Amino acid sequence: SYTGQNLPTYPYLRVANVQAGYFNLDDLAEIKLPKHIAEKYFVRVDD
């Protein structure tokens, strides 16, 4: 849990979203985090 109001919401990938050879993005979960925390876990192109 993180203190503070109006924390930004970010989509995140779970095991169910990462399939063999493709992504299933139909059901994406979301999480509220401070931006400086979220930046540590961003997925980048070609990861």
ModelCIF file with pLDDT and N, C-alpha, C, O atoms, coordinates in Angstrom:
data_MODEL
#
_entry.id   MODEL 
#
_entity.id                         1 
_entity.type                       polymer 
_entity.pdbx_number_of_molecules   1 
#
_entity_poly.entity_id                      1 
_entity_poly.type                           'polypeptide(L)' 
_entity_poly.nstd_linkage                   no 
_entity_poly.nstd_monomer                   no 
_entity_poly.pdbx_seq_one_letter_code       SYTGQNLPTYPYLRVANVQAGYFNLDDLAEIKLPKHIAEKYFVRVDD 
_entity_poly.pdbx_seq_one_letter_code_can   SYTGQNLPTYPYLRVANVQAGYFNLDDLAEIKLPKHIAEKYFVRVDD 
_entity_poly.pdbx_strand_id                 A 
#
loop_
_entity_poly_seq.entity_id 
_entity_poly_seq.num 
_entity_poly_seq.mon_id 
_entity_poly_seq.hetero 
1 1  SER n 
1 2  TYR n 
1 3  THR n 
1 4  GLY n 
1 5  GLN n 
1 6  ASN n 
1 7  LEU n 
1 8  PRO n 
1 9  THR n 
1 10 TYR n 
1 11 PRO n 
1 12 TYR n 
1 13 LEU n 
1 14 ARG n 
1 15 VAL n 
1 16 ALA n 
1 17 ASN n 
1 18 VAL n 
1 19 GLN n 
1 20 ALA n 
1 21 GLY n 
1 22 TYR n 
1 23 PHE n 
1 24 ASN n 
1 25 LEU n 
1 26 ASP n 
1 27 ASP n 
1 28 LEU n 
1 29 ALA n 
1 30 GLU n 
1 31 ILE n 
1 32 LYS n 
1 33 LEU n 
1 34 PRO n 
1 35 LYS n 
1 36 HIS n 
1 37 ILE n 
1 38 ALA n 
1 39 GLU n 
1 40 LYS n 
1 41 TYR n 
1 42 PHE n 
1 43 VAL n 
1 44 ARG n 
1 45 VAL n 
1 46 ASP n 
1 47 ASP n 
#
_struct_asym.id          A 
_struct_asym.entity_id   1 
#
loop_
_ma_qa_metric.id 
_ma_qa_metric.mode 
_ma_qa_metric.name 
_ma_qa_metric.software_group_id 
_ma_qa_metric.type 
1 global pLDDT . pLDDT 
2 local  pLDDT . pLDDT 
#
_ma_qa_metric_global.metric_id      1 
_ma_qa_metric_global.metric_value   92.11 
_ma_qa_metric_global.model_id       1 
_ma_qa_metric_global.ordinal_id     1 
#
loop_
_ma_qa_metric_local.label_asym_id 
_ma_qa_metric_local.label_comp_id 
_ma_qa_metric_local.label_seq_id 
_ma_qa_metric_local.metric_id 
_ma_qa_metric_local.metric_value 
_ma_qa_metric_local.model_id 
_ma_qa_metric_local.ordinal_id 
A SER 1  2 80.00 1 1  
A TYR 2  2 78.00 1 2  
A THR 3  2 74.00 1 3  
A GLY 4  2 70.00 1 4  
A GLN 5  2 71.00 1 5  
A ASN 6  2 85.00 1 6  
A LEU 7  2 90.00 1 7  
A PRO 8  2 92.00 1 8  
A THR 9  2 93.00 1 9  
A TYR 10 2 96.00 1 10 
A PRO 11 2 97.00 1 11 
A TYR 12 2 97.00 1 12 
A LEU 13 2 97.00 1 13 
A ARG 14 2 96.00 1 14 
A VAL 15 2 96.00 1 15 
A ALA 16 2 95.00 1 16 
A ASN 17 2 97.00 1 17 
A VAL 18 2 97.00 1 18 
A GLN 19 2 94.00 1 19 
A ALA 20 2 92.00 1 20 
A GLY 21 2 91.00 1 21 
A TYR 22 2 93.00 1 22 
A PHE 23 2 96.00 1 23 
A ASN 24 2 95.00 1 24 
A LEU 25 2 95.00 1 25 
A ASP 26 2 93.00 1 26 
A ASP 27 2 92.00 1 27 
A LEU 28 2 94.00 1 28 
A ALA 29 2 95.00 1 29 
A GLU 30 2 95.00 1 30 
A ILE 31 2 93.00 1 31 
A LYS 32 2 91.00 1 32 
A LEU 33 2 91.00 1 33 
A PRO 34 2 91.00 1 34 
A LYS 35 2 92.00 1 35 
A HIS 36 2 91.00 1 36 
A ILE 37 2 92.00 1 37 
A ALA 38 2 94.00 1 38 
A GLU 39 2 94.00 1 39 
A LYS 40 2 95.00 1 40 
A TYR 41 2 96.00 1 41 
A PHE 42 2 97.00 1 42 
A VAL 43 2 97.00 1 43 
A ARG 44 2 97.00 1 44 
A VAL 45 2 97.00 1 45 
A ASP 46 2 97.00 1 46 
A ASP 47 2 98.00 1 47 
#
loop_
_atom_site.group_PDB 
_atom_site.id 
_atom_site.type_symbol 
_atom_site.label_atom_id 
_atom_site.label_alt_id 
_atom_site.label_comp_id 
_atom_site.label_asym_id 
_atom_site.label_entity_id 
_atom_site.label_seq_id 
_atom_site.pdbx_PDB_ins_code 
_atom_site.Cartn_x 
_atom_site.Cartn_y 
_atom_site.Cartn_z 
_atom_site.occupancy 
_atom_site.B_iso_or_equiv 
_atom_site.pdbx_formal_charge 
_atom_site.auth_seq_id 
_atom_site.auth_comp_id 
_atom_site.auth_asym_id 
_atom_site.auth_atom_id 
_atom_site.pdbx_PDB_model_num 
ATOM 1   N N  . SER A 1 1  ? 0.848  -1.199  0.000   1.00 80.00 ? 1  SER A N  1 
ATOM 2   C CA . SER A 1 1  ? 0.000  0.000   0.000   1.00 80.00 ? 1  SER A CA 1 
ATOM 3   C C  . SER A 1 1  ? 0.880  1.244   0.000   1.00 80.00 ? 1  SER A C  1 
ATOM 4   O O  . SER A 1 1  ? 1.936  1.284   0.631   1.00 80.00 ? 1  SER A O  1 
ATOM 5   N N  . TYR A 1 2  ? 0.416  2.256   -0.724  1.00 78.00 ? 2  TYR A N  1 
ATOM 6   C CA . TYR A 1 2  ? 1.172  3.509   -0.836  1.00 78.00 ? 2  TYR A CA 1 
ATOM 7   C C  . TYR A 1 2  ? 0.274  4.668   -0.391  1.00 78.00 ? 2  TYR A C  1 
ATOM 8   O O  . TYR A 1 2  ? -0.891 4.755   -0.778  1.00 78.00 ? 2  TYR A O  1 
ATOM 9   N N  . THR A 1 3  ? 0.830  5.531   0.410   1.00 74.00 ? 3  THR A N  1 
ATOM 10  C CA . THR A 1 3  ? 0.064  6.675   0.896   1.00 74.00 ? 3  THR A CA 1 
ATOM 11  C C  . THR A 1 3  ? 0.021  7.761   -0.169  1.00 74.00 ? 3  THR A C  1 
ATOM 12  O O  . THR A 1 3  ? 0.853  7.810   -1.075  1.00 74.00 ? 3  THR A O  1 
ATOM 13  N N  . GLY A 1 4  ? -0.938 8.598   -0.035  1.00 70.00 ? 4  GLY A N  1 
ATOM 14  C CA . GLY A 1 4  ? -1.069 9.693   -0.992  1.00 70.00 ? 4  GLY A CA 1 
ATOM 15  C C  . GLY A 1 4  ? -2.347 9.571   -1.784  1.00 70.00 ? 4  GLY A C  1 
ATOM 16  O O  . GLY A 1 4  ? -2.871 8.472   -1.969  1.00 70.00 ? 4  GLY A O  1 
ATOM 17  N N  . GLN A 1 5  ? -2.845 10.685  -2.247  1.00 71.00 ? 5  GLN A N  1 
ATOM 18  C CA . GLN A 1 5  ? -4.085 10.699  -3.009  1.00 71.00 ? 5  GLN A CA 1 
ATOM 19  C C  . GLN A 1 5  ? -3.785 10.872  -4.488  1.00 71.00 ? 5  GLN A C  1 
ATOM 20  O O  . GLN A 1 5  ? -2.715 11.325  -4.893  1.00 71.00 ? 5  GLN A O  1 
ATOM 21  N N  . ASN A 1 6  ? -4.791 10.484  -5.280  1.00 85.00 ? 6  ASN A N  1 
ATOM 22  C CA . ASN A 1 6  ? -4.698 10.658  -6.731  1.00 85.00 ? 6  ASN A CA 1 
ATOM 23  C C  . ASN A 1 6  ? -3.479 9.955   -7.330  1.00 85.00 ? 6  ASN A C  1 
ATOM 24  O O  . ASN A 1 6  ? -2.819 10.490  -8.221  1.00 85.00 ? 6  ASN A O  1 
ATOM 25  N N  . LEU A 1 7  ? -3.191 8.761   -6.836  1.00 90.00 ? 7  LEU A N  1 
ATOM 26  C CA . LEU A 1 7  ? -2.102 7.981   -7.419  1.00 90.00 ? 7  LEU A CA 1 
ATOM 27  C C  . LEU A 1 7  ? -2.493 7.552   -8.826  1.00 90.00 ? 7  LEU A C  1 
ATOM 28  O O  . LEU A 1 7  ? -3.635 7.152   -9.050  1.00 90.00 ? 7  LEU A O  1 
ATOM 29  N N  . PRO A 1 8  ? -1.560 7.628   -9.784  1.00 92.00 ? 8  PRO A N  1 
ATOM 30  C CA . PRO A 1 8  ? -1.879 7.196   -11.149 1.00 92.00 ? 8  PRO A CA 1 
ATOM 31  C C  . PRO A 1 8  ? -2.126 5.690   -11.217 1.00 92.00 ? 8  PRO A C  1 
ATOM 32  O O  . PRO A 1 8  ? -1.574 4.918   -10.433 1.00 92.00 ? 8  PRO A O  1 
ATOM 33  N N  . THR A 1 9  ? -2.949 5.301   -12.151 1.00 93.00 ? 9  THR A N  1 
ATOM 34  C CA . THR A 1 9  ? -3.290 3.890   -12.363 1.00 93.00 ? 9  THR A CA 1 
ATOM 35  C C  . THR A 1 9  ? -2.544 3.367   -13.580 1.00 93.00 ? 9  THR A C  1 
ATOM 36  O O  . THR A 1 9  ? -2.490 4.028   -14.617 1.00 93.00 ? 9  THR A O  1 
ATOM 37  N N  . TYR A 1 10 ? -1.973 2.183   -13.450 1.00 96.00 ? 10 TYR A N  1 
ATOM 38  C CA . TYR A 1 10 ? -1.194 1.574   -14.532 1.00 96.00 ? 10 TYR A CA 1 
ATOM 39  C C  . TYR A 1 10 ? -1.699 0.163   -14.823 1.00 96.00 ? 10 TYR A C  1 
ATOM 40  O O  . TYR A 1 10 ? -2.020 -0.580  -13.896 1.00 96.00 ? 10 TYR A O  1 
ATOM 41  N N  . PRO A 1 11 ? -1.773 -0.213  -16.102 1.00 97.00 ? 11 PRO A N  1 
ATOM 42  C CA . PRO A 1 11 ? -2.060 -1.611  -16.426 1.00 97.00 ? 11 PRO A CA 1 
ATOM 43  C C  . PRO A 1 11 ? -0.799 -2.445  -16.175 1.00 97.00 ? 11 PRO A C  1 
ATOM 44  O O  . PRO A 1 11 ? 0.319  -1.946  -16.302 1.00 97.00 ? 11 PRO A O  1 
ATOM 45  N N  . TYR A 1 12 ? -0.990 -3.705  -15.822 1.00 97.00 ? 12 TYR A N  1 
ATOM 46  C CA . TYR A 1 12 ? 0.182  -4.559  -15.646 1.00 97.00 ? 12 TYR A CA 1 
ATOM 47  C C  . TYR A 1 12 ? -0.090 -5.966  -16.191 1.00 97.00 ? 12 TYR A C  1 
ATOM 48  O O  . TYR A 1 12 ? -1.226 -6.438  -16.219 1.00 97.00 ? 12 TYR A O  1 
ATOM 49  N N  . LEU A 1 13 ? 0.996  -6.612  -16.621 1.00 97.00 ? 13 LEU A N  1 
ATOM 50  C CA . LEU A 1 13 ? 0.910  -7.944  -17.208 1.00 97.00 ? 13 LEU A CA 1 
ATOM 51  C C  . LEU A 1 13 ? 1.013  -9.008  -16.131 1.00 97.00 ? 13 LEU A C  1 
ATOM 52  O O  . LEU A 1 13 ? 1.945  -9.002  -15.328 1.00 97.00 ? 13 LEU A O  1 
ATOM 53  N N  . ARG A 1 14 ? 0.043  -9.929  -16.116 1.00 96.00 ? 14 ARG A N  1 
ATOM 54  C CA . ARG A 1 14 ? 0.082  -11.103 -15.253 1.00 96.00 ? 14 ARG A CA 1 
ATOM 55  C C  . ARG A 1 14 ? 0.492  -12.312 -16.083 1.00 96.00 ? 14 ARG A C  1 
ATOM 56  O O  . ARG A 1 14 ? 0.643  -12.217 -17.301 1.00 96.00 ? 14 ARG A O  1 
ATOM 57  N N  . VAL A 1 15 ? 0.670  -13.440 -15.421 1.00 96.00 ? 15 VAL A N  1 
ATOM 58  C CA . VAL A 1 15 ? 1.023  -14.676 -16.132 1.00 96.00 ? 15 VAL A CA 1 
ATOM 59  C C  . VAL A 1 15 ? -0.025 -14.990 -17.197 1.00 96.00 ? 15 VAL A C  1 
ATOM 60  O O  . VAL A 1 15 ? 0.321  -15.427 -18.295 1.00 96.00 ? 15 VAL A O  1 
ATOM 61  N N  . ALA A 1 16 ? -1.298 -14.771 -16.884 1.00 95.00 ? 16 ALA A N  1 
ATOM 62  C CA . ALA A 1 16 ? -2.377 -15.078 -17.835 1.00 95.00 ? 16 ALA A CA 1 
ATOM 63  C C  . ALA A 1 16 ? -2.276 -14.254 -19.113 1.00 95.00 ? 16 ALA A C  1 
ATOM 64  O O  . ALA A 1 16 ? -2.754 -14.682 -20.164 1.00 95.00 ? 16 ALA A O  1 
ATOM 65  N N  . ASN A 1 17 ? -1.660 -13.083 -19.036 1.00 97.00 ? 17 ASN A N  1 
ATOM 66  C CA . ASN A 1 17 ? -1.530 -12.226 -20.221 1.00 97.00 ? 17 ASN A CA 1 
ATOM 67  C C  . ASN A 1 17 ? -0.383 -12.632 -21.134 1.00 97.00 ? 17 ASN A C  1 
ATOM 68  O O  . ASN A 1 17 ? -0.374 -12.296 -22.318 1.00 97.00 ? 17 ASN A O  1 
ATOM 69  N N  . VAL A 1 18 ? 0.592  -13.362 -20.577 1.00 97.00 ? 18 VAL A N  1 
ATOM 70  C CA . VAL A 1 18 ? 1.791  -13.732 -21.337 1.00 97.00 ? 18 VAL A CA 1 
ATOM 71  C C  . VAL A 1 18 ? 1.676  -15.192 -21.756 1.00 97.00 ? 18 VAL A C  1 
ATOM 72  O O  . VAL A 1 18 ? 1.876  -16.101 -20.949 1.00 97.00 ? 18 VAL A O  1 
ATOM 73  N N  . GLN A 1 19 ? 1.352  -15.404 -23.022 1.00 94.00 ? 19 GLN A N  1 
ATOM 74  C CA . GLN A 1 19 ? 1.172  -16.745 -23.549 1.00 94.00 ? 19 GLN A CA 1 
ATOM 75  C C  . GLN A 1 19 ? 2.409  -17.162 -24.363 1.00 94.00 ? 19 GLN A C  1 
ATOM 76  O O  . GLN A 1 19 ? 3.357  -16.391 -24.506 1.00 94.00 ? 19 GLN A O  1 
ATOM 77  N N  . ALA A 1 20 ? 2.384  -18.358 -24.875 1.00 92.00 ? 20 ALA A N  1 
ATOM 78  C CA . ALA A 1 20 ? 3.519  -18.867 -25.652 1.00 92.00 ? 20 ALA A CA 1 
ATOM 79  C C  . ALA A 1 20 ? 3.485  -18.288 -27.060 1.00 92.00 ? 20 ALA A C  1 
ATOM 80  O O  . ALA A 1 20 ? 2.771  -18.784 -27.931 1.00 92.00 ? 20 ALA A O  1 
ATOM 81  N N  . GLY A 1 21 ? 4.268  -17.230 -27.270 1.00 91.00 ? 21 GLY A N  1 
ATOM 82  C CA . GLY A 1 21 ? 4.360  -16.627 -28.595 1.00 91.00 ? 21 GLY A CA 1 
ATOM 83  C C  . GLY A 1 21 ? 3.418  -15.470 -28.845 1.00 91.00 ? 21 GLY A C  1 
ATOM 84  O O  . GLY A 1 21 ? 3.428  -14.902 -29.937 1.00 91.00 ? 21 GLY A O  1 
ATOM 85  N N  . TYR A 1 22 ? 2.597  -15.097 -27.861 1.00 93.00 ? 22 TYR A N  1 
ATOM 86  C CA . TYR A 1 22 ? 1.691  -13.963 -28.055 1.00 93.00 ? 22 TYR A CA 1 
ATOM 87  C C  . TYR A 1 22 ? 1.211  -13.452 -26.699 1.00 93.00 ? 22 TYR A C  1 
ATOM 88  O O  . TYR A 1 22 ? 1.402  -14.099 -25.669 1.00 93.00 ? 22 TYR A O  1 
ATOM 89  N N  . PHE A 1 23 ? 0.581  -12.272 -26.725 1.00 96.00 ? 23 PHE A N  1 
ATOM 90  C CA . PHE A 1 23 ? -0.009 -11.690 -25.526 1.00 96.00 ? 23 PHE A CA 1 
ATOM 91  C C  . PHE A 1 23 ? -1.527 -11.759 -25.608 1.00 96.00 ? 23 PHE A C  1 
ATOM 92  O O  . PHE A 1 23 ? -2.112 -11.496 -26.658 1.00 96.00 ? 23 PHE A O  1 
ATOM 93  N N  . ASN A 1 24 ? -2.152 -12.111 -24.510 1.00 95.00 ? 24 ASN A N  1 
ATOM 94  C CA . ASN A 1 24 ? -3.607 -12.032 -24.388 1.00 95.00 ? 24 ASN A CA 1 
ATOM 95  C C  . ASN A 1 24 ? -3.919 -10.813 -23.525 1.00 95.00 ? 24 ASN A C  1 
ATOM 96  O O  . ASN A 1 24 ? -3.783 -10.853 -22.302 1.00 95.00 ? 24 ASN A O  1 
ATOM 97  N N  . LEU A 1 25 ? -4.336 -9.739  -24.173 1.00 95.00 ? 25 LEU A N  1 
ATOM 98  C CA . LEU A 1 25 ? -4.544 -8.467  -23.479 1.00 95.00 ? 25 LEU A CA 1 
ATOM 99  C C  . LEU A 1 25 ? -6.019 -8.145  -23.284 1.00 95.00 ? 25 LEU A C  1 
ATOM 100 O O  . LEU A 1 25 ? -6.378 -6.994  -23.036 1.00 95.00 ? 25 LEU A O  1 
ATOM 101 N N  . ASP A 1 26 ? -6.877 -9.160  -23.394 1.00 93.00 ? 26 ASP A N  1 
ATOM 102 C CA . ASP A 1 26 ? -8.319 -8.931  -23.255 1.00 93.00 ? 26 ASP A CA 1 
ATOM 103 C C  . ASP A 1 26 ? -8.698 -8.554  -21.825 1.00 93.00 ? 26 ASP A C  1 
ATOM 104 O O  . ASP A 1 26 ? -9.650 -7.804  -21.612 1.00 93.00 ? 26 ASP A O  1 
ATOM 105 N N  . ASP A 1 27 ? -7.965 -9.066  -20.860 1.00 92.00 ? 27 ASP A N  1 
ATOM 106 C CA . ASP A 1 27 ? -8.322 -8.840  -19.455 1.00 92.00 ? 27 ASP A CA 1 
ATOM 107 C C  . ASP A 1 27 ? -7.077 -8.367  -18.698 1.00 92.00 ? 27 ASP A C  1 
ATOM 108 O O  . ASP A 1 27 ? -6.370 -9.164  -18.082 1.00 92.00 ? 27 ASP A O  1 
ATOM 109 N N  . LEU A 1 28 ? -6.829 -7.073  -18.755 1.00 94.00 ? 28 LEU A N  1 
ATOM 110 C CA . LEU A 1 28 ? -5.654 -6.497  -18.094 1.00 94.00 ? 28 LEU A CA 1 
ATOM 111 C C  . LEU A 1 28 ? -6.030 -5.956  -16.718 1.00 94.00 ? 28 LEU A C  1 
ATOM 112 O O  . LEU A 1 28 ? -6.998 -5.209  -16.577 1.00 94.00 ? 28 LEU A O  1 
ATOM 113 N N  . ALA A 1 29 ? -5.262 -6.339  -15.714 1.00 95.00 ? 29 ALA A N  1 
ATOM 114 C CA . ALA A 1 29 ? -5.472 -5.785  -14.374 1.00 95.00 ? 29 ALA A CA 1 
ATOM 115 C C  . ALA A 1 29 ? -4.767 -4.433  -14.264 1.00 95.00 ? 29 ALA A C  1 
ATOM 116 O O  . ALA A 1 29 ? -3.915 -4.097  -15.086 1.00 95.00 ? 29 ALA A O  1 
ATOM 117 N N  . GLU A 1 30 ? -5.133 -3.668  -13.241 1.00 95.00 ? 30 GLU A N  1 
ATOM 118 C CA . GLU A 1 30 ? -4.533 -2.350  -13.033 1.00 95.00 ? 30 GLU A CA 1 
ATOM 119 C C  . GLU A 1 30 ? -4.086 -2.204  -11.589 1.00 95.00 ? 30 GLU A C  1 
ATOM 120 O O  . GLU A 1 30 ? -4.584 -2.885  -10.693 1.00 95.00 ? 30 GLU A O  1 
ATOM 121 N N  . ILE A 1 31 ? -3.144 -1.311  -11.386 1.00 93.00 ? 31 ILE A N  1 
ATOM 122 C CA . ILE A 1 31 ? -2.613 -1.063  -10.051 1.00 93.00 ? 31 ILE A CA 1 
ATOM 123 C C  . ILE A 1 31 ? -2.327 0.424   -9.896  1.00 93.00 ? 31 ILE A C  1 
ATOM 124 O O  . ILE A 1 31 ? -1.943 1.091   -10.857 1.00 93.00 ? 31 ILE A O  1 
ATOM 125 N N  . LYS A 1 32 ? -2.514 0.943   -8.687  1.00 91.00 ? 32 LYS A N  1 
ATOM 126 C CA . LYS A 1 32 ? -2.197 2.345   -8.406  1.00 91.00 ? 32 LYS A CA 1 
ATOM 127 C C  . LYS A 1 32 ? -0.855 2.415   -7.710  1.00 91.00 ? 32 LYS A C  1 
ATOM 128 O O  . LYS A 1 32 ? -0.632 1.771   -6.685  1.00 91.00 ? 32 LYS A O  1 
ATOM 129 N N  . LEU A 1 33 ? 0.046  3.216   -8.290  1.00 91.00 ? 33 LEU A N  1 
ATOM 130 C CA . LEU A 1 33 ? 1.406  3.347   -7.754  1.00 91.00 ? 33 LEU A CA 1 
ATOM 131 C C  . LEU A 1 33 ? 1.898  4.775   -7.929  1.00 91.00 ? 33 LEU A C  1 
ATOM 132 O O  . LEU A 1 33 ? 1.457  5.475   -8.841  1.00 91.00 ? 33 LEU A O  1 
ATOM 133 N N  . PRO A 1 34 ? 2.810  5.214   -7.062  1.00 91.00 ? 34 PRO A N  1 
ATOM 134 C CA . PRO A 1 34 ? 3.508  6.472   -7.342  1.00 91.00 ? 34 PRO A CA 1 
ATOM 135 C C  . PRO A 1 34 ? 4.319  6.318   -8.636  1.00 91.00 ? 34 PRO A C  1 
ATOM 136 O O  . PRO A 1 34 ? 4.818  5.233   -8.933  1.00 91.00 ? 34 PRO A O  1 
ATOM 137 N N  . LYS A 1 35 ? 4.442  7.382   -9.382  1.00 92.00 ? 35 LYS A N  1 
ATOM 138 C CA . LYS A 1 35 ? 5.117  7.310   -10.670 1.00 92.00 ? 35 LYS A CA 1 
ATOM 139 C C  . LYS A 1 35 ? 6.549  6.824   -10.540 1.00 92.00 ? 35 LYS A C  1 
ATOM 140 O O  . LYS A 1 35 ? 7.008  6.042   -11.373 1.00 92.00 ? 35 LYS A O  1 
ATOM 141 N N  . HIS A 1 36 ? 7.272  7.269   -9.509  1.00 91.00 ? 36 HIS A N  1 
ATOM 142 C CA . HIS A 1 36 ? 8.682  6.901   -9.392  1.00 91.00 ? 36 HIS A CA 1 
ATOM 143 C C  . HIS A 1 36 ? 8.852  5.412   -9.061  1.00 91.00 ? 36 HIS A C  1 
ATOM 144 O O  . HIS A 1 36 ? 9.907  4.833   -9.319  1.00 91.00 ? 36 HIS A O  1 
ATOM 145 N N  . ILE A 1 37 ? 7.817  4.802   -8.495  1.00 92.00 ? 37 ILE A N  1 
ATOM 146 C CA . ILE A 1 37 ? 7.841  3.359   -8.257  1.00 92.00 ? 37 ILE A CA 1 
ATOM 147 C C  . ILE A 1 37 ? 7.492  2.622   -9.549  1.00 92.00 ? 37 ILE A C  1 
ATOM 148 O O  . ILE A 1 37 ? 8.154  1.654   -9.923  1.00 92.00 ? 37 ILE A O  1 
ATOM 149 N N  . ALA A 1 38 ? 6.453  3.092   -10.217 1.00 94.00 ? 38 ALA A N  1 
ATOM 150 C CA . ALA A 1 38 ? 5.996  2.441   -11.451 1.00 94.00 ? 38 ALA A CA 1 
ATOM 151 C C  . ALA A 1 38 ? 7.085  2.403   -12.510 1.00 94.00 ? 38 ALA A C  1 
ATOM 152 O O  . ALA A 1 38 ? 7.192  1.426   -13.251 1.00 94.00 ? 38 ALA A O  1 
ATOM 153 N N  . GLU A 1 39 ? 7.892  3.452   -12.592 1.00 94.00 ? 39 GLU A N  1 
ATOM 154 C CA . GLU A 1 39 ? 8.920  3.534   -13.629 1.00 94.00 ? 39 GLU A CA 1 
ATOM 155 C C  . GLU A 1 39 ? 9.932  2.395   -13.546 1.00 94.00 ? 39 GLU A C  1 
ATOM 156 O O  . GLU A 1 39 ? 10.582 2.066   -14.539 1.00 94.00 ? 39 GLU A O  1 
ATOM 157 N N  . LYS A 1 40 ? 10.067 1.798   -12.373 1.00 95.00 ? 40 LYS A N  1 
ATOM 158 C CA . LYS A 1 40 ? 11.009 0.688   -12.208 1.00 95.00 ? 40 LYS A CA 1 
ATOM 159 C C  . LYS A 1 40 ? 10.523 -0.583  -12.902 1.00 95.00 ? 40 LYS A C  1 
ATOM 160 O O  . LYS A 1 40 ? 11.309 -1.495  -13.160 1.00 95.00 ? 40 LYS A O  1 
ATOM 161 N N  . TYR A 1 41 ? 9.231  -0.639  -13.201 1.00 96.00 ? 41 TYR A N  1 
ATOM 162 C CA . TYR A 1 41 ? 8.642  -1.871  -13.705 1.00 96.00 ? 41 TYR A CA 1 
ATOM 163 C C  . TYR A 1 41 ? 8.013  -1.727  -15.085 1.00 96.00 ? 41 TYR A C  1 
ATOM 164 O O  . TYR A 1 41 ? 7.288  -2.615  -15.535 1.00 96.00 ? 41 TYR A O  1 
ATOM 165 N N  . PHE A 1 42 ? 8.291  -0.600  -15.764 1.00 97.00 ? 42 PHE A N  1 
ATOM 166 C CA . PHE A 1 42 ? 7.759  -0.424  -17.111 1.00 97.00 ? 42 PHE A CA 1 
ATOM 167 C C  . PHE A 1 42 ? 8.327  -1.491  -18.051 1.00 97.00 ? 42 PHE A C  1 
ATOM 168 O O  . PHE A 1 42 ? 9.503  -1.847  -17.976 1.00 97.00 ? 42 PHE A O  1 
ATOM 169 N N  . VAL A 1 43 ? 7.469  -1.985  -18.929 1.00 97.00 ? 43 VAL A N  1 
ATOM 170 C CA . VAL A 1 43 ? 7.902  -2.882  -19.995 1.00 97.00 ? 43 VAL A CA 1 
ATOM 171 C C  . VAL A 1 43 ? 8.301  -2.035  -21.192 1.00 97.00 ? 43 VAL A C  1 
ATOM 172 O O  . VAL A 1 43 ? 7.572  -1.128  -21.593 1.00 97.00 ? 43 VAL A O  1 
ATOM 173 N N  . ARG A 1 44 ? 9.459  -2.335  -21.757 1.00 97.00 ? 44 ARG A N  1 
ATOM 174 C CA . ARG A 1 44 ? 9.957  -1.564  -22.901 1.00 97.00 ? 44 ARG A CA 1 
ATOM 175 C C  . ARG A 1 44 ? 9.829  -2.368  -24.194 1.00 97.00 ? 44 ARG A C  1 
ATOM 176 O O  . ARG A 1 44 ? 9.776  -3.598  -24.182 1.00 97.00 ? 44 ARG A O  1 
ATOM 177 N N  . VAL A 1 45 ? 9.780  -1.639  -25.306 1.00 97.00 ? 45 VAL A N  1 
ATOM 178 C CA . VAL A 1 45 ? 9.732  -2.289  -26.612 1.00 97.00 ? 45 VAL A CA 1 
ATOM 179 C C  . VAL A 1 45 ? 10.943 -3.214  -26.778 1.00 97.00 ? 45 VAL A C  1 
ATOM 180 O O  . VAL A 1 45 ? 12.075 -2.830  -26.482 1.00 97.00 ? 45 VAL A O  1 
ATOM 181 N N  . ASP A 1 46 ? 10.693 -4.412  -27.246 1.00 97.00 ? 46 ASP A N  1 
ATOM 182 C CA . ASP A 1 46 ? 11.683 -5.475  -27.485 1.00 97.00 ? 46 ASP A CA 1 
ATOM 183 C C  . ASP A 1 46 ? 12.112 -6.217  -26.216 1.00 97.00 ? 46 ASP A C  1 
ATOM 184 O O  . ASP A 1 46 ? 13.013 -7.053  -26.269 1.00 97.00 ? 46 ASP A O  1 
ATOM 185 N N  . ASP A 1 47 ? 11.476 -5.921  -25.075 1.00 98.00 ? 47 ASP A N  1 
ATOM 186 C CA . ASP A 1 47 ? 11.674 -6.775  -23.903 1.00 98.00 ? 47 ASP A CA 1 
ATOM 187 C C  . ASP A 1 47 ? 11.081 -8.149  -24.195 1.00 98.00 ? 47 ASP A C  1 
ATOM 188 O O  . ASP A 1 47 ? 11.133 -9.038  -23.345 1.00 98.00 ? 47 ASP A O  1 
#
